[in-house]
C-alpha atoms as a PDB file:
ATOM      1  CA  MET A   1      73.525 109.704  51.058  1.00  0.00           C
ATOM      2  CA  SER A   2      75.086 108.476  47.780  1.00  0.00           C
ATOM      3  CA  LYS A   3      74.837 110.642  44.695  1.00  0.00           C
ATOM      4  CA  LYS A   4      72.643 109.630  41.781  1.00  0.00           C
ATOM      5  CA  ALA A   5      73.313 110.253  38.093  1.00  0.00           C
ATOM      6  CA  LYS A   6      71.051 112.813  36.430  1.00  0.00           C
ATOM      7  CA  LEU A   7      68.992 110.907  33.864  1.00  0.00           C
ATOM      8  CA  ASP A   8      65.927 111.766  31.815  1.00  0.00           C
ATOM      9  CA  ARG A   9      62.863 109.508  31.795  1.00  0.00           C
ATOM     10  CA  ASP A  10      64.036 107.342  28.887  1.00  0.00           C
ATOM     11  CA  GLU A  11      67.448 106.893  30.486  1.00  0.00           C
ATOM     12  CA  GLU A  12      65.829 105.964  33.818  1.00  0.00           C
ATOM     13  CA  GLU A  13      63.772 103.293  32.052  1.00  0.00           C
ATOM     14  CA  GLN A  14      66.903 101.926  30.385  1.00  0.00           C
ATOM     15  CA  ALA A  15      68.689 101.840  33.746  1.00  0.00           C
ATOM     16  CA  ASP A  16      65.755  99.928  35.282  1.00  0.00           C
ATOM     17  CA  GLU A  17      65.853  97.486  32.379  1.00  0.00           C
ATOM     18  CA  PHE A  18      69.556  96.714  32.812  1.00  0.00           C
ATOM     19  CA  GLU A  19      69.549  96.664  36.618  1.00  0.00           C
ATOM     20  CA  LYS A  20      70.013  93.170  38.023  1.00  0.00           C
ATOM     21  CA  PRO A  21      67.405  92.105  40.573  1.00  0.00           C
ATOM     22  CA  PRO A  22      68.803  91.460  44.053  1.00  0.00           C
ATOM     23  CA  ALA A  23      69.407  87.897  45.191  1.00  0.00           C
ATOM     24  CA  SER A  24      66.359  88.075  47.469  1.00  0.00           C
ATOM     25  CA  VAL A  25      64.090  88.656  44.452  1.00  0.00           C
ATOM     26  CA  HIS A  26      65.676  85.725  42.650  1.00  0.00           C
ATOM     27  CA  PHE A  27      65.238  83.580  45.766  1.00  0.00           C
ATOM     28  CA  GLU A  28      61.556  84.492  45.974  1.00  0.00           C
ATOM     29  CA  ALA A  29      60.954  83.631  42.312  1.00  0.00           C
ATOM     30  CA  ILE A  30      62.419  80.141  42.739  1.00  0.00           C
ATOM     31  CA  ARG A  31      60.644  79.715  46.085  1.00  0.00           C
ATOM     32  CA  ARG A  32      57.291  80.377  44.400  1.00  0.00           C
ATOM     33  CA  ASP A  33      58.182  77.872  41.699  1.00  0.00           C
ATOM     34  CA  GLY A  34      58.943  75.407  44.483  1.00  0.00           C
ATOM     35  CA  GLU A  35      55.557  76.030  46.103  1.00  0.00           C
ATOM     36  CA  ASN A  36      53.873  75.313  42.788  1.00  0.00           C
ATOM     37  CA  GLU A  37      55.778  72.040  42.436  1.00  0.00           C
ATOM     38  CA  LEU A  38      54.858  70.978  45.969  1.00  0.00           C
ATOM     39  CA  SER A  39      51.159  71.469  45.259  1.00  0.00           C
ATOM     40  CA  ARG A  40      51.029  69.577  41.948  1.00  0.00           C
ATOM     41  CA  PRO A  41      48.890  66.418  41.826  1.00  0.00           C
ATOM     42  CA  PHE A  42      50.428  62.949  41.915  1.00  0.00           C
ATOM     43  CA  SER A  43      49.656  62.090  38.284  1.00  0.00           C
ATOM     44  CA  SER A  44      51.298  65.259  36.954  1.00  0.00           C
ATOM     45  CA  LEU A  45      54.482  64.678  38.949  1.00  0.00           C
ATOM     46  CA  TRP A  46      54.550  60.967  38.146  1.00  0.00           C
ATOM     47  CA  TRP A  47      54.219  61.138  34.375  1.00  0.00           C
ATOM     48  CA  SER A  48      56.526  64.128  34.129  1.00  0.00           C
ATOM     49  CA  GLY A  49      59.076  62.163  36.173  1.00  0.00           C
ATOM     50  CA  VAL A  50      58.739  59.057  34.009  1.00  0.00           C
ATOM     51  CA  ALA A  51      59.173  61.186  30.892  1.00  0.00           C
ATOM     52  CA  ALA A  52      62.275  62.746  32.427  1.00  0.00           C
ATOM     53  CA  GLY A  53      63.745  59.312  33.161  1.00  0.00           C
ATOM     54  CA  LEU A  54      63.191  58.251  29.557  1.00  0.00           C
ATOM     55  CA  ALA A  55      64.499  61.528  28.161  1.00  0.00           C
ATOM     56  CA  ILE A  56      67.623  61.715  30.347  1.00  0.00           C
ATOM     57  CA  SER A  57      68.561  58.305  28.965  1.00  0.00           C
ATOM     58  CA  THR A  58      69.310  60.008  25.652  1.00  0.00           C
ATOM     59  CA  SER A  59      72.376  61.411  27.416  1.00  0.00           C
ATOM     60  CA  VAL A  60      73.674  57.844  27.754  1.00  0.00           C
ATOM     61  CA  LEU A  61      72.614  57.172  24.177  1.00  0.00           C
ATOM     62  CA  GLY A  62      74.331  60.280  22.812  1.00  0.00           C
ATOM     63  CA  LYS A  63      77.552  59.714  24.729  1.00  0.00           C
ATOM     64  CA  GLY A  64      77.580  56.018  23.806  1.00  0.00           C
ATOM     65  CA  ILE A  65      77.084  56.662  20.099  1.00  0.00           C
ATOM     66  CA  LEU A  66      79.928  59.176  20.011  1.00  0.00           C
ATOM     67  CA  THR A  67      82.127  56.810  22.023  1.00  0.00           C
ATOM     68  CA  SER A  68      81.513  54.058  19.467  1.00  0.00           C
ATOM     69  CA  ILE A  69      82.778  56.149  16.538  1.00  0.00           C
ATOM     70  CA  LEU A  70      85.728  57.847  18.240  1.00  0.00           C
ATOM     71  CA  PRO A  71      89.181  56.303  18.599  1.00  0.00           C
ATOM     72  CA  ASP A  72      90.500  55.144  21.962  1.00  0.00           C
ATOM     73  CA  ALA A  73      92.391  58.355  22.741  1.00  0.00           C
ATOM     74  CA  ASP A  74      92.725  60.697  25.700  1.00  0.00           C
ATOM     75  CA  TRP A  75      90.930  63.506  23.870  1.00  0.00           C
ATOM     76  CA  ALA A  76      87.928  61.369  22.861  1.00  0.00           C
ATOM     77  CA  ALA A  77      86.070  62.009  26.141  1.00  0.00           C
ATOM     78  CA  GLY A  78      86.153  65.721  25.363  1.00  0.00           C
ATOM     79  CA  VAL A  79      84.023  65.054  22.286  1.00  0.00           C
ATOM     80  CA  SER A  80      81.857  62.126  23.409  1.00  0.00           C
ATOM     81  CA  ASN A  81      80.568  64.043  26.428  1.00  0.00           C
ATOM     82  CA  LEU A  82      78.906  66.555  24.128  1.00  0.00           C
ATOM     83  CA  GLY A  83      76.389  63.740  23.654  1.00  0.00           C
ATOM     84  CA  TYR A  84      75.881  63.653  27.424  1.00  0.00           C
ATOM     85  CA  THR A  85      74.242  67.088  27.289  1.00  0.00           C
ATOM     86  CA  VAL A  86      71.406  65.942  25.006  1.00  0.00           C
ATOM     87  CA  GLY A  87      69.167  64.410  27.654  1.00  0.00           C
ATOM     88  CA  PHE A  88      69.546  67.363  30.005  1.00  0.00           C
ATOM     89  CA  LEU A  89      68.583  69.760  27.214  1.00  0.00           C
ATOM     90  CA  ILE A  90      65.418  67.758  26.516  1.00  0.00           C
ATOM     91  CA  VAL A  91      64.453  67.427  30.183  1.00  0.00           C
ATOM     92  CA  ILE A  92      65.177  70.983  31.314  1.00  0.00           C
ATOM     93  CA  LEU A  93      63.855  72.802  28.240  1.00  0.00           C
ATOM     94  CA  GLY A  94      60.852  70.456  28.254  1.00  0.00           C
ATOM     95  CA  ARG A  95      60.179  71.367  31.914  1.00  0.00           C
ATOM     96  CA  MET A  96      60.079  67.730  32.986  1.00  0.00           C
ATOM     97  CA  GLN A  97      60.525  66.586  36.580  1.00  0.00           C
ATOM     98  CA  LEU A  98      64.166  65.629  37.164  1.00  0.00           C
ATOM     99  CA  PHE A  99      65.015  64.673  40.744  1.00  0.00           C
ATOM    100  CA  THR A 100      68.293  66.580  40.919  1.00  0.00           C
ATOM    101  CA  GLU A 101      66.546  69.829  39.995  1.00  0.00           C
ATOM    102  CA  ASN A 102      64.324  69.272  43.015  1.00  0.00           C
ATOM    103  CA  THR A 103      67.284  69.340  45.387  1.00  0.00           C
ATOM    104  CA  ILE A 104      66.871  73.144  45.429  1.00  0.00           C
ATOM    105  CA  THR A 105      63.469  74.249  44.069  1.00  0.00           C
ATOM    106  CA  PRO A 106      61.175  72.783  46.790  1.00  0.00           C
ATOM    107  CA  ILE A 107      63.857  73.156  49.444  1.00  0.00           C
ATOM    108  CA  LEU A 108      63.702  76.957  49.502  1.00  0.00           C
ATOM    109  CA  PRO A 109      60.073  76.945  50.759  1.00  0.00           C
ATOM    110  CA  LEU A 110      61.154  74.386  53.374  1.00  0.00           C
ATOM    111  CA  PHE A 111      63.902  76.709  54.629  1.00  0.00           C
ATOM    112  CA  LEU A 112      61.317  79.433  55.252  1.00  0.00           C
ATOM    113  CA  ASP A 113      58.656  77.144  56.688  1.00  0.00           C
ATOM    114  CA  GLY A 114      60.279  74.204  58.427  1.00  0.00           C
ATOM    115  CA  SER A 115      56.963  72.802  59.614  1.00  0.00           C
ATOM    116  CA  ARG A 116      56.156  69.101  59.646  1.00  0.00           C
ATOM    117  CA  ALA A 117      53.545  69.655  56.938  1.00  0.00           C
ATOM    118  CA  LYS A 118      56.060  71.291  54.611  1.00  0.00           C
ATOM    119  CA  LEU A 119      58.594  68.546  55.308  1.00  0.00           C
ATOM    120  CA  LEU A 120      56.015  65.893  54.397  1.00  0.00           C
ATOM    121  CA  GLN A 121      55.155  67.798  51.206  1.00  0.00           C
ATOM    122  CA  THR A 122      58.811  67.843  50.232  1.00  0.00           C
ATOM    123  CA  ALA A 123      59.253  64.144  51.030  1.00  0.00           C
ATOM    124  CA  ARG A 124      56.178  63.370  48.913  1.00  0.00           C
ATOM    125  CA  LEU A 125      57.572  65.328  45.951  1.00  0.00           C
ATOM    126  CA  TRP A 126      61.000  63.741  46.224  1.00  0.00           C
ATOM    127  CA  GLY A 127      59.554  60.233  46.568  1.00  0.00           C
ATOM    128  CA  ILE A 128      57.252  60.552  43.567  1.00  0.00           C
ATOM    129  CA  VAL A 129      59.776  62.187  41.252  1.00  0.00           C
ATOM    130  CA  PHE A 130      62.719  59.961  42.144  1.00  0.00           C
ATOM    131  CA  THR A 131      60.688  56.755  41.777  1.00  0.00           C
ATOM    132  CA  ALA A 132      59.208  57.967  38.487  1.00  0.00           C
ATOM    133  CA  ASN A 133      62.669  58.881  37.172  1.00  0.00           C
ATOM    134  CA  LEU A 134      63.929  55.371  37.970  1.00  0.00           C
ATOM    135  CA  VAL A 135      60.923  53.787  36.252  1.00  0.00           C
ATOM    136  CA  GLY A 136      61.639  55.857  33.138  1.00  0.00           C
ATOM    137  CA  CYS A 137      65.330  54.907  33.245  1.00  0.00           C
ATOM    138  CA  ALA A 138      64.494  51.209  33.663  1.00  0.00           C
ATOM    139  CA  ALA A 139      62.068  51.348  30.731  1.00  0.00           C
ATOM    140  CA  ALA A 140      64.700  53.013  28.545  1.00  0.00           C
ATOM    141  CA  ALA A 141      67.292  50.407  29.556  1.00  0.00           C
ATOM    142  CA  LEU A 142      64.950  47.523  28.698  1.00  0.00           C
ATOM    143  CA  VAL A 143      64.204  49.012  25.286  1.00  0.00           C
ATOM    144  CA  LEU A 144      67.902  49.523  24.547  1.00  0.00           C
ATOM    145  CA  VAL A 145      68.790  45.965  25.550  1.00  0.00           C
ATOM    146  CA  TYR A 146      65.851  43.958  24.172  1.00  0.00           C
ATOM    147  CA  VAL A 147      64.322  45.930  21.294  1.00  0.00           C
ATOM    148  CA  ASN A 148      67.539  46.437  19.312  1.00  0.00           C
ATOM    149  CA  ILE A 149      66.844  50.046  18.408  1.00  0.00           C
ATOM    150  CA  LEU A 150      70.563  50.665  17.775  1.00  0.00           C
ATOM    151  CA  PRO A 151      73.019  49.012  15.394  1.00  0.00           C
ATOM    152  CA  GLU A 152      75.281  46.638  17.316  1.00  0.00           C
ATOM    153  CA  ALA A 153      78.362  48.807  16.813  1.00  0.00           C
ATOM    154  CA  ARG A 154      76.612  51.826  18.343  1.00  0.00           C
ATOM    155  CA  PHE A 155      75.158  49.788  21.207  1.00  0.00           C
ATOM    156  CA  GLU A 156      78.679  48.632  22.049  1.00  0.00           C
ATOM    157  CA  GLY A 157      79.502  52.276  22.728  1.00  0.00           C
ATOM    158  CA  VAL A 158      76.550  52.513  25.119  1.00  0.00           C
ATOM    159  CA  LEU A 159      77.760  49.365  26.867  1.00  0.00           C
ATOM    160  CA  ALA A 160      81.280  50.763  27.178  1.00  0.00           C
ATOM    161  CA  VAL A 161      79.942  53.936  28.806  1.00  0.00           C
ATOM    162  CA  SER A 162      77.723  51.913  31.162  1.00  0.00           C
ATOM    163  CA  ARG A 163      80.529  49.567  32.186  1.00  0.00           C
ATOM    164  CA  HIS A 164      82.825  52.486  32.897  1.00  0.00           C
ATOM    165  CA  TYR A 165      80.202  54.076  35.159  1.00  0.00           C
ATOM    166  CA  ALA A 166      79.518  50.806  36.988  1.00  0.00           C
ATOM    167  CA  ALA A 167      83.239  50.264  37.624  1.00  0.00           C
ATOM    168  CA  ALA A 168      83.290  53.019  40.263  1.00  0.00           C
ATOM    169  CA  THR A 169      82.982  52.055  43.916  1.00  0.00           C
ATOM    170  CA  ALA A 170      80.073  53.106  46.129  1.00  0.00           C
ATOM    171  CA  PHE A 171      82.245  55.707  47.854  1.00  0.00           C
ATOM    172  CA  GLU A 172      83.409  57.091  44.505  1.00  0.00           C
ATOM    173  CA  HIS A 173      79.809  57.465  43.328  1.00  0.00           C
ATOM    174  CA  PHE A 174      79.023  59.301  46.563  1.00  0.00           C
ATOM    175  CA  ALA A 175      82.046  61.595  46.317  1.00  0.00           C
ATOM    176  CA  TRP A 176      81.637  62.224  42.586  1.00  0.00           C
ATOM    177  CA  GLY A 177      77.917  62.845  43.101  1.00  0.00           C
ATOM    178  CA  ILE A 178      78.559  65.868  45.330  1.00  0.00           C
ATOM    179  CA  PRO A 179      79.881  68.226  42.611  1.00  0.00           C
ATOM    180  CA  ALA A 180      77.247  66.939  40.165  1.00  0.00           C
ATOM    181  CA  GLY A 181      74.467  67.814  42.631  1.00  0.00           C
ATOM    182  CA  PHE A 182      76.030  71.210  43.289  1.00  0.00           C
ATOM    183  CA  LEU A 183      76.280  72.012  39.568  1.00  0.00           C
ATOM    184  CA  ILE A 184      72.682  70.997  38.777  1.00  0.00           C
ATOM    185  CA  ALA A 185      71.393  73.097  41.688  1.00  0.00           C
ATOM    186  CA  ALA A 186      73.526  76.011  40.473  1.00  0.00           C
ATOM    187  CA  LEU A 187      72.073  75.560  36.994  1.00  0.00           C
ATOM    188  CA  VAL A 188      68.519  75.729  38.372  1.00  0.00           C
ATOM    189  CA  TRP A 189      69.469  78.908  40.255  1.00  0.00           C
ATOM    190  CA  ILE A 190      70.992  80.525  37.151  1.00  0.00           C
ATOM    191  CA  LEU A 191      68.454  79.605  34.453  1.00  0.00           C
ATOM    192  CA  PRO A 192      65.671  82.070  35.421  1.00  0.00           C
ATOM    193  CA  ARG A 193      68.079  84.867  34.476  1.00  0.00           C
ATOM    194  CA  MET A 194      68.744  83.341  31.060  1.00  0.00           C
ATOM    195  CA  ASP A 195      66.643  83.239  27.927  1.00  0.00           C
ATOM    196  CA  GLY A 196      66.803  81.769  24.456  1.00  0.00           C
ATOM    197  CA  ALA A 197      70.266  80.793  23.294  1.00  0.00           C
ATOM    198  CA  GLY A 198      71.746  81.742  26.666  1.00  0.00           C
ATOM    199  CA  GLU A 199      69.615  79.120  28.413  1.00  0.00           C
ATOM    200  CA  VAL A 200      70.660  76.412  25.950  1.00  0.00           C
ATOM    201  CA  LEU A 201      74.329  77.358  26.223  1.00  0.00           C
ATOM    202  CA  MET A 202      74.269  77.326  30.032  1.00  0.00           C
ATOM    203  CA  ILE A 203      72.668  73.863  30.125  1.00  0.00           C
ATOM    204  CA  VAL A 204      75.246  72.536  27.673  1.00  0.00           C
ATOM    205  CA  ILE A 205      78.196  74.028  29.582  1.00  0.00           C
ATOM    206  CA  VAL A 206      77.158  72.803  33.028  1.00  0.00           C
ATOM    207  CA  THR A 207      76.096  69.295  32.003  1.00  0.00           C
ATOM    208  CA  TYR A 208      79.147  68.917  29.751  1.00  0.00           C
ATOM    209  CA  VAL A 209      81.347  69.621  32.775  1.00  0.00           C
ATOM    210  CA  ILE A 210      79.469  66.925  34.728  1.00  0.00           C
ATOM    211  CA  GLY A 211      80.008  64.424  31.921  1.00  0.00           C
ATOM    212  CA  VAL A 212      83.625  65.181  31.052  1.00  0.00           C
ATOM    213  CA  GLY A 213      84.468  65.383  34.758  1.00  0.00           C
ATOM    214  CA  GLY A 214      83.274  61.810  35.259  1.00  0.00           C
ATOM    215  CA  MET A 215      80.840  62.893  37.982  1.00  0.00           C
ATOM    216  CA  SER A 216      77.966  60.686  39.147  1.00  0.00           C
ATOM    217  CA  HIS A 217      74.437  61.813  38.309  1.00  0.00           C
ATOM    218  CA  VAL A 218      71.942  59.508  39.982  1.00  0.00           C
ATOM    219  CA  VAL A 219      69.286  59.574  37.258  1.00  0.00           C
ATOM    220  CA  ALA A 220      71.435  59.357  34.115  1.00  0.00           C
ATOM    221  CA  GLY A 221      73.681  56.876  35.908  1.00  0.00           C
ATOM    222  CA  SER A 222      70.699  54.688  36.765  1.00  0.00           C
ATOM    223  CA  THR A 223      70.062  54.046  33.077  1.00  0.00           C
ATOM    224  CA  GLU A 224      73.650  52.854  32.694  1.00  0.00           C
ATOM    225  CA  LEU A 225      73.320  50.536  35.678  1.00  0.00           C
ATOM    226  CA  PHE A 226      69.913  49.203  34.571  1.00  0.00           C
ATOM    227  CA  ILE A 227      71.353  48.367  31.145  1.00  0.00           C
ATOM    228  CA  LEU A 228      73.940  46.122  32.779  1.00  0.00           C
ATOM    229  CA  VAL A 229      71.333  44.596  35.093  1.00  0.00           C
ATOM    230  CA  ALA A 230      69.117  43.768  32.103  1.00  0.00           C
ATOM    231  CA  ARG A 231      72.074  42.061  30.410  1.00  0.00           C
ATOM    232  CA  GLY A 232      72.932  40.066  33.521  1.00  0.00           C
ATOM    233  CA  GLU A 233      76.310  41.770  33.968  1.00  0.00           C
ATOM    234  CA  LEU A 234      75.371  43.422  37.263  1.00  0.00           C
ATOM    235  CA  GLY A 235      73.142  42.311  40.110  1.00  0.00           C
ATOM    236  CA  PRO A 236      70.182  44.481  41.173  1.00  0.00           C
ATOM    237  CA  VAL A 237      71.492  44.756  44.745  1.00  0.00           C
ATOM    238  CA  ALA A 238      74.908  45.905  43.515  1.00  0.00           C
ATOM    239  CA  ALA A 239      73.240  48.447  41.222  1.00  0.00           C
ATOM    240  CA  VAL A 240      71.114  49.914  44.009  1.00  0.00           C
ATOM    241  CA  PHE A 241      73.576  49.872  46.904  1.00  0.00           C
ATOM    242  CA  GLY A 242      76.775  50.242  44.921  1.00  0.00           C
ATOM    243  CA  GLY A 243      75.638  52.954  42.512  1.00  0.00           C
ATOM    244  CA  ILE A 244      72.167  54.438  42.806  1.00  0.00           C
ATOM    245  CA  LEU A 245      71.956  55.162  46.540  1.00  0.00           C
ATOM    246  CA  PRO A 246      75.543  56.483  46.904  1.00  0.00           C
ATOM    247  CA  ALA A 247      75.072  58.810  43.912  1.00  0.00           C
ATOM    248  CA  LEU A 248      71.699  59.887  45.338  1.00  0.00           C
ATOM    249  CA  ALA A 249      73.328  60.786  48.655  1.00  0.00           C
ATOM    250  CA  GLY A 250      76.095  62.704  46.920  1.00  0.00           C
ATOM    251  CA  ASN A 251      73.688  64.629  44.677  1.00  0.00           C
ATOM    252  CA  VAL A 252      71.486  65.587  47.629  1.00  0.00           C
ATOM    253  CA  LEU A 253      74.475  66.692  49.691  1.00  0.00           C
ATOM    254  CA  GLY A 254      75.851  68.809  46.846  1.00  0.00           C
ATOM    255  CA  GLY A 255      72.518  70.258  45.751  1.00  0.00           C
ATOM    256  CA  THR A 256      70.645  70.697  49.024  1.00  0.00           C
ATOM    257  CA  GLY A 257      73.236  70.414  51.773  1.00  0.00           C
ATOM    258  CA  ILE A 258      75.714  72.771  50.142  1.00  0.00           C
ATOM    259  CA  PHE A 259      74.308  74.898  47.299  1.00  0.00           C
ATOM    260  CA  ALA A 260      70.726  75.463  48.529  1.00  0.00           C
ATOM    261  CA  ALA A 261      71.959  76.098  52.073  1.00  0.00           C
ATOM    262  CA  LEU A 262      74.462  78.694  50.830  1.00  0.00           C
ATOM    263  CA  VAL A 263      71.787  80.379  48.714  1.00  0.00           C
ATOM    264  CA  TYR A 264      69.530  80.669  51.735  1.00  0.00           C
ATOM    265  CA  ALA A 265      72.369  81.924  53.933  1.00  0.00           C
ATOM    266  CA  GLN A 266      73.108  84.832  51.595  1.00  0.00           C
ATOM    267  CA  VAL A 267      69.527  86.136  51.605  1.00  0.00           C
ATOM    268  CA  ARG A 268      68.053  85.143  54.975  1.00  0.00           C
ATOM    269  CA  GLU A 269      68.626  88.598  56.468  1.00  0.00           C
ATOM    270  CA  GLU A 270      66.847  90.219  53.507  1.00  0.00           C
ATOM    271  CA  ILE A 271      63.685  88.123  53.326  1.00  0.00           C
END
């Protein structure tokens, strides 16, 4: 039997306060959150997803604006991608429904209860949220292209960012979507342990890495593709099959197939 330090009552309370909960407790907290998401009504998921699609588009806006005012230099991407974090801050802190967050949250209940009913619940959640995200992204793209809410010089920066994203091949979007999915799932796993400024900083760090690393995020990337579709520079079929679906597959593989599976593997003997 291991020895225990001799502490008075106040010291015991301080030790309890600073003790980190085991991974199984953390798993259970996120699993319960996932159960809540699975049981939410259609309208709640839909409008939260549409709002997330609109809000995540500010990442494209922020990065594009910074791109438009920075010189064409190797270091410029290190600054412009700070703008990429804006949409993720709004969506995550606003507790909106972003598809890539759902590659782990509702999956943990599915790992414990792999029934057909639970699988259908998960498919329903994914279908609603992903479709709603795309609707929000499409609406944002149409506003950016046709309503002229940005000065032309700033909109040129948004176009440059969108064209760069669309230049990748389908396989590249798939491959570059894997680490993006992994990082977003890791962020969802980490955030319950954070609070206040720590939560903001963690979101900024992780999403900045996704942006500066040139990774493919299916929702933010959809806004970029829809902008080009609205301008007639890219066909809808090319946008869907050359960008959206490959990035979707990569994000799901990184978030669910790798990160969520590893999380479950580390706690399955303890739950």
